[in-house]
Amino acid sequence: MKKLIISFLAAASIVSCAAQQQRINLLDDTLSQFTNIYAYGSAEFKDGELILNSTGNWFFTTKKDYKNFILTAEVLMPDVSEYSNSGIMFRGQVKTNEDGQEAMGYQAEVDPSERKWSGGLYDQARRQWLHPVHATRSFPDSDFVENYLPAWTDEMASAYRHLDWNQYRIECRGSDIKIFLNGVLTSHVKDTKDSQGFIGLQHHGSELLKTTGVTNNVVRFRNVFITELD
């Protein structure tokens, strides 16, 4: 009987761990797991893709907060002449300002510009660039404990492939944060600012959409999966 009880408990523990580490698809036809905390921005799910458009800097955010997890997502940036930029916010927080609400928090950068900082770590609406270091827009504080990859290498800069689907992998385990872009480790830091928060998918805004109502400056995401680790 004792052995039977032990075997039952062990089996229950395995089932519990398996359920705990289940890989969840965050995208569905009704985008039921997301909400819009802004007064602008649009999201559409079509043919397995999340299509984002906005007149201003905007994050489409999950209703649920996540703590420790592995998040994977693919993003495709548009072929446009106007400025385009995106990112994946994680452990995000809601910040209230004079215009209403905005998303704040860690962001895995999607940067198709000549700067080539895709895969870098940005702290939206707060400390700005954490990795790599920006000459005038980096404000790390005591919560930014360590940067394990202080140099921005050619391999990191070349990881992003413009006009192609790019795969991001974000790992958060306590204060340990890693960002992989197309298999390249581009950011690895120890930071204690936020231990949990929402996921946010970004469209940085289209001036053409704002002024004319027409744009092809759309950001697309697909295969957005999260595995909670505890």
C-alpha atoms as a PDB file:
ATOM      1  CA  MET A   1       0.000   0.000   0.000  1.00  0.00           C
ATOM      2  CA  LYS A   2       2.837   2.386   0.880  1.00  0.00           C
ATOM      3  CA  LYS A   3       4.529   1.756  -2.470  1.00  0.00           C
ATOM      4  CA  LEU A   4       1.196   2.287  -4.229  1.00  0.00           C
ATOM      5  CA  ILE A   5       0.704   5.665  -2.525  1.00  0.00           C
ATOM      6  CA  ILE A   6       4.235   6.759  -3.384  1.00  0.00           C
ATOM      7  CA  SER A   7       3.743   5.703  -7.014  1.00  0.00           C
ATOM      8  CA  PHE A   8       0.437   7.601  -7.156  1.00  0.00           C
ATOM      9  CA  LEU A   9       2.033  10.766  -5.748  1.00  0.00           C
ATOM     10  CA  ALA A  10       4.948  10.522  -8.178  1.00  0.00           C
ATOM     11  CA  ALA A  11       2.562  10.115 -11.100  1.00  0.00           C
ATOM     12  CA  ALA A  12       0.473  13.060  -9.898  1.00  0.00           C
ATOM     13  CA  SER A  13       3.612  15.161  -9.664  1.00  0.00           C
ATOM     14  CA  ILE A  14       4.597  14.301 -13.250  1.00  0.00           C
ATOM     15  CA  VAL A  15       1.119  15.169 -14.517  1.00  0.00           C
ATOM     16  CA  SER A  16       1.216  18.445 -12.570  1.00  0.00           C
ATOM     17  CA  CYS A  17       4.602  19.400 -14.053  1.00  0.00           C
ATOM     18  CA  ALA A  18       3.426  18.494 -17.553  1.00  0.00           C
ATOM     19  CA  ALA A  19       0.317  20.672 -17.174  1.00  0.00           C
ATOM     20  CA  GLN A  20       2.389  23.473 -15.706  1.00  0.00           C
ATOM     21  CA  GLN A  21       4.760  23.469 -18.676  1.00  0.00           C
ATOM     22  CA  GLN A  22       2.096  23.214 -21.360  1.00  0.00           C
ATOM     23  CA  ARG A  23       2.815  25.239 -24.498  1.00  0.00           C
ATOM     24  CA  ILE A  24      -0.067  27.651 -25.083  1.00  0.00           C
ATOM     25  CA  ASN A  25      -0.953  29.337 -28.367  1.00  0.00           C
ATOM     26  CA  LEU A  26      -1.749  32.990 -27.589  1.00  0.00           C
ATOM     27  CA  LEU A  27      -3.453  33.600 -30.947  1.00  0.00           C
ATOM     28  CA  ASP A  28      -6.976  32.550 -31.932  1.00  0.00           C
ATOM     29  CA  ASP A  29      -9.694  33.743 -34.316  1.00  0.00           C
ATOM     30  CA  THR A  30     -11.252  36.115 -31.788  1.00  0.00           C
ATOM     31  CA  LEU A  31      -7.974  37.215 -30.155  1.00  0.00           C
ATOM     32  CA  SER A  32      -9.617  36.247 -26.880  1.00  0.00           C
ATOM     33  CA  GLN A  33      -6.405  36.439 -24.855  1.00  0.00           C
ATOM     34  CA  PHE A  34      -5.649  40.068 -25.758  1.00  0.00           C
ATOM     35  CA  THR A  35      -6.982  43.508 -24.928  1.00  0.00           C
ATOM     36  CA  ASN A  36      -6.301  47.080 -26.063  1.00  0.00           C
ATOM     37  CA  ILE A  37      -5.435  49.495 -23.257  1.00  0.00           C
ATOM     38  CA  TYR A  38      -5.048  52.380 -25.736  1.00  0.00           C
ATOM     39  CA  ALA A  39      -7.591  54.590 -27.517  1.00  0.00           C
ATOM     40  CA  TYR A  40      -6.096  53.681 -30.911  1.00  0.00           C
ATOM     41  CA  GLY A  41      -4.515  50.758 -32.759  1.00  0.00           C
ATOM     42  CA  SER A  42      -6.114  47.832 -34.563  1.00  0.00           C
ATOM     43  CA  ALA A  43      -5.530  44.085 -34.561  1.00  0.00           C
ATOM     44  CA  GLU A  44      -6.884  41.465 -36.957  1.00  0.00           C
ATOM     45  CA  PHE A  45      -6.338  37.715 -37.045  1.00  0.00           C
ATOM     46  CA  LYS A  46      -6.315  36.340 -40.588  1.00  0.00           C
ATOM     47  CA  ASP A  47      -4.906  33.124 -42.073  1.00  0.00           C
ATOM     48  CA  GLY A  48      -2.976  32.347 -38.914  1.00  0.00           C
ATOM     49  CA  GLU A  49      -1.412  35.806 -38.680  1.00  0.00           C
ATOM     50  CA  LEU A  50      -1.941  38.710 -36.310  1.00  0.00           C
ATOM     51  CA  ILE A  51      -1.992  41.922 -38.347  1.00  0.00           C
ATOM     52  CA  LEU A  52      -1.274  45.128 -36.437  1.00  0.00           C
ATOM     53  CA  ASN A  53      -1.750  48.726 -37.523  1.00  0.00           C
ATOM     54  CA  SER A  54      -1.629  51.983 -35.608  1.00  0.00           C
ATOM     55  CA  THR A  55      -1.303  55.733 -35.940  1.00  0.00           C
ATOM     56  CA  GLY A  56       0.991  55.945 -32.891  1.00  0.00           C
ATOM     57  CA  ASN A  57       3.283  53.863 -30.742  1.00  0.00           C
ATOM     58  CA  TRP A  58       1.052  51.019 -29.569  1.00  0.00           C
ATOM     59  CA  PHE A  59       1.137  47.645 -27.819  1.00  0.00           C
ATOM     60  CA  PHE A  60      -1.547  44.969 -28.137  1.00  0.00           C
ATOM     61  CA  THR A  61      -1.466  43.369 -24.699  1.00  0.00           C
ATOM     62  CA  THR A  62      -2.468  40.059 -23.143  1.00  0.00           C
ATOM     63  CA  LYS A  63      -5.168  40.030 -20.491  1.00  0.00           C
ATOM     64  CA  LYS A  64      -3.084  37.687 -18.355  1.00  0.00           C
ATOM     65  CA  ASP A  65       0.181  38.409 -16.543  1.00  0.00           C
ATOM     66  CA  TYR A  66       3.085  35.980 -16.838  1.00  0.00           C
ATOM     67  CA  LYS A  67       5.992  35.453 -14.476  1.00  0.00           C
ATOM     68  CA  ASN A  68       8.547  32.830 -15.537  1.00  0.00           C
ATOM     69  CA  PHE A  69       8.145  31.555 -19.068  1.00  0.00           C
ATOM     70  CA  ILE A  70       9.513  30.792 -22.504  1.00  0.00           C
ATOM     71  CA  LEU A  71       7.844  32.881 -25.208  1.00  0.00           C
ATOM     72  CA  THR A  72       8.365  32.251 -28.914  1.00  0.00           C
ATOM     73  CA  ALA A  73       6.995  34.343 -31.759  1.00  0.00           C
ATOM     74  CA  GLU A  74       7.635  35.115 -35.396  1.00  0.00           C
ATOM     75  CA  VAL A  75       7.417  38.653 -36.747  1.00  0.00           C
ATOM     76  CA  LEU A  76       7.416  40.044 -40.292  1.00  0.00           C
ATOM     77  CA  MET A  77       8.099  43.731 -40.886  1.00  0.00           C
ATOM     78  CA  PRO A  78       6.703  45.632 -43.891  1.00  0.00           C
ATOM     79  CA  ASP A  79       8.497  46.779 -47.036  1.00  0.00           C
ATOM     80  CA  VAL A  80       7.887  50.526 -46.659  1.00  0.00           C
ATOM     81  CA  SER A  81       9.829  53.749 -47.040  1.00  0.00           C
ATOM     82  CA  GLU A  82       8.433  55.372 -43.910  1.00  0.00           C
ATOM     83  CA  TYR A  83       9.741  54.521 -40.448  1.00  0.00           C
ATOM     84  CA  SER A  84       8.743  51.094 -39.184  1.00  0.00           C
ATOM     85  CA  ASN A  85       9.621  49.462 -35.874  1.00  0.00           C
ATOM     86  CA  SER A  86       8.210  46.833 -33.567  1.00  0.00           C
ATOM     87  CA  GLY A  87       8.956  44.794 -30.486  1.00  0.00           C
ATOM     88  CA  ILE A  88       7.711  42.219 -28.028  1.00  0.00           C
ATOM     89  CA  MET A  89       7.013  43.543 -24.545  1.00  0.00           C
ATOM     90  CA  PHE A  90       7.137  41.106 -21.647  1.00  0.00           C
ATOM     91  CA  ARG A  91       6.421  41.416 -17.932  1.00  0.00           C
ATOM     92  CA  GLY A  92       4.666  44.598 -19.008  1.00  0.00           C
ATOM     93  CA  GLN A  93       2.931  47.089 -16.707  1.00  0.00           C
ATOM     94  CA  VAL A  94       0.199  49.670 -17.292  1.00  0.00           C
ATOM     95  CA  LYS A  95       1.316  53.255 -16.833  1.00  0.00           C
ATOM     96  CA  THR A  96      -1.193  56.110 -16.589  1.00  0.00           C
ATOM     97  CA  ASN A  97      -0.298  59.475 -18.098  1.00  0.00           C
ATOM     98  CA  GLU A  98      -2.133  62.626 -19.148  1.00  0.00           C
ATOM     99  CA  ASP A  99      -3.315  60.954 -22.377  1.00  0.00           C
ATOM    100  CA  GLY A 100      -4.608  57.794 -20.721  1.00  0.00           C
ATOM    101  CA  GLN A 101      -2.923  54.425 -20.401  1.00  0.00           C
ATOM    102  CA  GLU A 102       0.252  53.097 -21.976  1.00  0.00           C
ATOM    103  CA  ALA A 103       2.329  49.952 -21.770  1.00  0.00           C
ATOM    104  CA  MET A 104       5.617  50.019 -19.865  1.00  0.00           C
ATOM    105  CA  GLY A 105       8.254  47.359 -19.447  1.00  0.00           C
ATOM    106  CA  TYR A 106      10.871  45.087 -20.959  1.00  0.00           C
ATOM    107  CA  GLN A 107      10.869  44.913 -24.741  1.00  0.00           C
ATOM    108  CA  ALA A 108      12.675  42.640 -27.186  1.00  0.00           C
ATOM    109  CA  GLU A 109      13.472  45.056 -30.005  1.00  0.00           C
ATOM    110  CA  VAL A 110      12.525  44.578 -33.673  1.00  0.00           C
ATOM    111  CA  ASP A 111      14.659  47.163 -35.452  1.00  0.00           C
ATOM    112  CA  PRO A 112      14.909  47.007 -39.279  1.00  0.00           C
ATOM    113  CA  SER A 113      16.863  50.282 -39.428  1.00  0.00           C
ATOM    114  CA  GLU A 114      20.539  50.641 -40.313  1.00  0.00           C
ATOM    115  CA  ARG A 115      21.280  50.620 -36.579  1.00  0.00           C
ATOM    116  CA  LYS A 116      20.584  46.845 -36.529  1.00  0.00           C
ATOM    117  CA  TRP A 117      19.632  46.515 -32.867  1.00  0.00           C
ATOM    118  CA  SER A 118      16.992  43.810 -33.349  1.00  0.00           C
ATOM    119  CA  GLY A 119      17.144  41.450 -30.400  1.00  0.00           C
ATOM    120  CA  GLY A 120      18.302  44.199 -28.078  1.00  0.00           C
ATOM    121  CA  LEU A 121      16.609  44.870 -24.743  1.00  0.00           C
ATOM    122  CA  TYR A 122      14.684  48.128 -24.368  1.00  0.00           C
ATOM    123  CA  ASP A 123      12.780  49.290 -21.281  1.00  0.00           C
ATOM    124  CA  GLN A 124       9.724  51.020 -22.733  1.00  0.00           C
ATOM    125  CA  ALA A 125       8.491  54.226 -21.049  1.00  0.00           C
ATOM    126  CA  ARG A 126      11.155  53.917 -18.353  1.00  0.00           C
ATOM    127  CA  ARG A 127      14.929  53.281 -18.539  1.00  0.00           C
ATOM    128  CA  GLN A 128      15.089  52.974 -22.330  1.00  0.00           C
ATOM    129  CA  TRP A 129      18.075  51.061 -23.782  1.00  0.00           C
ATOM    130  CA  LEU A 130      19.519  48.417 -21.470  1.00  0.00           C
ATOM    131  CA  HIS A 131      21.389  46.452 -24.153  1.00  0.00           C
ATOM    132  CA  PRO A 132      23.126  47.588 -26.225  1.00  0.00           C
ATOM    133  CA  VAL A 133      24.025  50.897 -24.626  1.00  0.00           C
ATOM    134  CA  HIS A 134      22.782  54.050 -26.347  1.00  0.00           C
ATOM    135  CA  ALA A 135      24.918  57.191 -26.115  1.00  0.00           C
ATOM    136  CA  THR A 136      22.055  59.376 -24.832  1.00  0.00           C
ATOM    137  CA  ARG A 137      19.113  57.026 -24.174  1.00  0.00           C
ATOM    138  CA  SER A 138      20.363  54.469 -21.641  1.00  0.00           C
ATOM    139  CA  PHE A 139      19.399  54.938 -17.995  1.00  0.00           C
ATOM    140  CA  PRO A 140      20.120  51.711 -16.100  1.00  0.00           C
ATOM    141  CA  ASP A 141      19.477  51.809 -12.360  1.00  0.00           C
ATOM    142  CA  SER A 142      20.247  49.557  -9.392  1.00  0.00           C
ATOM    143  CA  ASP A 143      17.720  46.964 -10.656  1.00  0.00           C
ATOM    144  CA  PHE A 144      19.929  46.388 -13.688  1.00  0.00           C
ATOM    145  CA  VAL A 145      22.333  44.043 -11.923  1.00  0.00           C
ATOM    146  CA  GLU A 146      24.457  42.573 -14.717  1.00  0.00           C
ATOM    147  CA  ASN A 147      24.837  42.425 -18.494  1.00  0.00           C
ATOM    148  CA  TYR A 148      26.369  39.096 -19.499  1.00  0.00           C
ATOM    149  CA  LEU A 149      26.847  40.225 -23.139  1.00  0.00           C
ATOM    150  CA  PRO A 150      28.186  43.794 -22.915  1.00  0.00           C
ATOM    151  CA  ALA A 151      29.356  44.004 -26.535  1.00  0.00           C
ATOM    152  CA  TRP A 152      26.959  44.279 -29.487  1.00  0.00           C
ATOM    153  CA  THR A 153      28.650  41.914 -31.942  1.00  0.00           C
ATOM    154  CA  ASP A 154      28.393  41.545 -35.715  1.00  0.00           C
ATOM    155  CA  GLU A 155      26.630  38.221 -35.179  1.00  0.00           C
ATOM    156  CA  MET A 156      23.951  39.923 -33.081  1.00  0.00           C
ATOM    157  CA  ALA A 157      23.573  42.779 -35.558  1.00  0.00           C
ATOM    158  CA  SER A 158      23.192  40.337 -38.465  1.00  0.00           C
ATOM    159  CA  ALA A 159      20.667  38.016 -36.787  1.00  0.00           C
ATOM    160  CA  TYR A 160      17.627  39.914 -38.121  1.00  0.00           C
ATOM    161  CA  ARG A 161      16.507  39.137 -41.714  1.00  0.00           C
ATOM    162  CA  HIS A 162      14.474  41.963 -43.213  1.00  0.00           C
ATOM    163  CA  LEU A 163      11.330  41.108 -45.209  1.00  0.00           C
ATOM    164  CA  ASP A 164      11.453  37.572 -43.832  1.00  0.00           C
ATOM    165  CA  TRP A 165       9.833  35.931 -40.827  1.00  0.00           C
ATOM    166  CA  ASN A 166      12.087  36.354 -37.799  1.00  0.00           C
ATOM    167  CA  GLN A 167      11.795  34.051 -34.797  1.00  0.00           C
ATOM    168  CA  TYR A 168      12.156  35.455 -31.293  1.00  0.00           C
ATOM    169  CA  ARG A 169      12.590  33.402 -28.150  1.00  0.00           C
ATOM    170  CA  ILE A 170      12.348  35.156 -24.777  1.00  0.00           C
ATOM    171  CA  GLU A 171      13.227  33.304 -21.590  1.00  0.00           C
ATOM    172  CA  CYS A 172      12.462  34.704 -18.132  1.00  0.00           C
ATOM    173  CA  ARG A 173      13.511  32.817 -15.026  1.00  0.00           C
ATOM    174  CA  GLY A 174      13.452  35.056 -11.986  1.00  0.00           C
ATOM    175  CA  SER A 175      15.841  37.946 -12.644  1.00  0.00           C
ATOM    176  CA  ASP A 176      17.541  36.077 -15.506  1.00  0.00           C
ATOM    177  CA  ILE A 177      16.364  37.347 -18.906  1.00  0.00           C
ATOM    178  CA  LYS A 178      17.451  36.049 -22.316  1.00  0.00           C
ATOM    179  CA  ILE A 179      16.467  37.051 -25.839  1.00  0.00           C
ATOM    180  CA  PHE A 180      17.270  34.886 -28.858  1.00  0.00           C
ATOM    181  CA  LEU A 181      16.758  36.072 -32.449  1.00  0.00           C
ATOM    182  CA  ASN A 182      16.811  33.386 -35.137  1.00  0.00           C
ATOM    183  CA  GLY A 183      18.803  31.193 -32.785  1.00  0.00           C
ATOM    184  CA  VAL A 184      21.367  33.865 -31.833  1.00  0.00           C
ATOM    185  CA  LEU A 185      21.563  34.913 -28.175  1.00  0.00           C
ATOM    186  CA  THR A 186      21.323  38.707 -28.507  1.00  0.00           C
ATOM    187  CA  SER A 187      20.558  39.763 -24.909  1.00  0.00           C
ATOM    188  CA  HIS A 188      21.265  38.172 -21.527  1.00  0.00           C
ATOM    189  CA  VAL A 189      20.895  40.250 -18.391  1.00  0.00           C
ATOM    190  CA  LYS A 190      20.119  40.025 -14.721  1.00  0.00           C
ATOM    191  CA  ASP A 191      17.448  42.599 -13.877  1.00  0.00           C
ATOM    192  CA  THR A 192      15.109  42.773 -10.897  1.00  0.00           C
ATOM    193  CA  LYS A 193      12.745  45.582 -11.971  1.00  0.00           C
ATOM    194  CA  ASP A 194       9.647  43.466 -12.743  1.00  0.00           C
ATOM    195  CA  SER A 195       8.942  39.847 -11.837  1.00  0.00           C
ATOM    196  CA  GLN A 196       5.718  39.464 -13.828  1.00  0.00           C
ATOM    197  CA  GLY A 197       3.422  41.255 -16.239  1.00  0.00           C
ATOM    198  CA  PHE A 198       1.632  41.051 -19.579  1.00  0.00           C
ATOM    199  CA  ILE A 199       2.918  40.300 -23.075  1.00  0.00           C
ATOM    200  CA  GLY A 200       2.584  43.154 -25.585  1.00  0.00           C
ATOM    201  CA  LEU A 201       3.037  43.075 -29.375  1.00  0.00           C
ATOM    202  CA  GLN A 202       4.055  46.425 -30.830  1.00  0.00           C
ATOM    203  CA  HIS A 203       3.294  48.606 -33.805  1.00  0.00           C
ATOM    204  CA  HIS A 204       5.334  51.797 -33.525  1.00  0.00           C
ATOM    205  CA  GLY A 205       2.883  53.871 -35.560  1.00  0.00           C
ATOM    206  CA  SER A 206       2.397  55.038 -39.147  1.00  0.00           C
ATOM    207  CA  GLU A 207       2.388  58.719 -40.011  1.00  0.00           C
ATOM    208  CA  LEU A 208       0.913  57.851 -43.416  1.00  0.00           C
ATOM    209  CA  LEU A 209      -2.033  56.144 -41.756  1.00  0.00           C
ATOM    210  CA  LYS A 210      -2.477  59.117 -39.444  1.00  0.00           C
ATOM    211  CA  THR A 211      -2.510  61.704 -42.232  1.00  0.00           C
ATOM    212  CA  THR A 212      -4.168  59.844 -45.121  1.00  0.00           C
ATOM    213  CA  GLY A 213      -5.950  56.857 -43.586  1.00  0.00           C
ATOM    214  CA  VAL A 214      -4.088  54.520 -45.916  1.00  0.00           C
ATOM    215  CA  THR A 215      -0.954  52.512 -45.239  1.00  0.00           C
ATOM    216  CA  ASN A 216       0.860  49.301 -46.031  1.00  0.00           C
ATOM    217  CA  ASN A 217       2.949  49.754 -42.890  1.00  0.00           C
ATOM    218  CA  VAL A 218       1.560  46.715 -41.086  1.00  0.00           C
ATOM    219  CA  VAL A 219       3.365  44.442 -38.631  1.00  0.00           C
ATOM    220  CA  ARG A 220       2.569  40.734 -38.693  1.00  0.00           C
ATOM    221  CA  PHE A 221       3.020  38.132 -35.966  1.00  0.00           C
ATOM    222  CA  ARG A 222       2.426  34.398 -36.091  1.00  0.00           C
ATOM    223  CA  ASN A 223       3.137  31.278 -34.020  1.00  0.00           C
ATOM    224  CA  VAL A 224       3.032  33.111 -30.703  1.00  0.00           C
ATOM    225  CA  PHE A 225       3.419  30.456 -28.007  1.00  0.00           C
ATOM    226  CA  ILE A 226       4.133  30.675 -24.295  1.00  0.00           C
ATOM    227  CA  THR A 227       5.224  27.995 -21.835  1.00  0.00           C
ATOM    228  CA  GLU A 228       4.860  28.963 -18.188  1.00  0.00           C
ATOM    229  CA  LEU A 229       7.674  27.622 -16.034  1.00  0.00           C
ATOM    230  CA  ASP A 230       6.014  28.017 -12.635  1.00  0.00           C
END
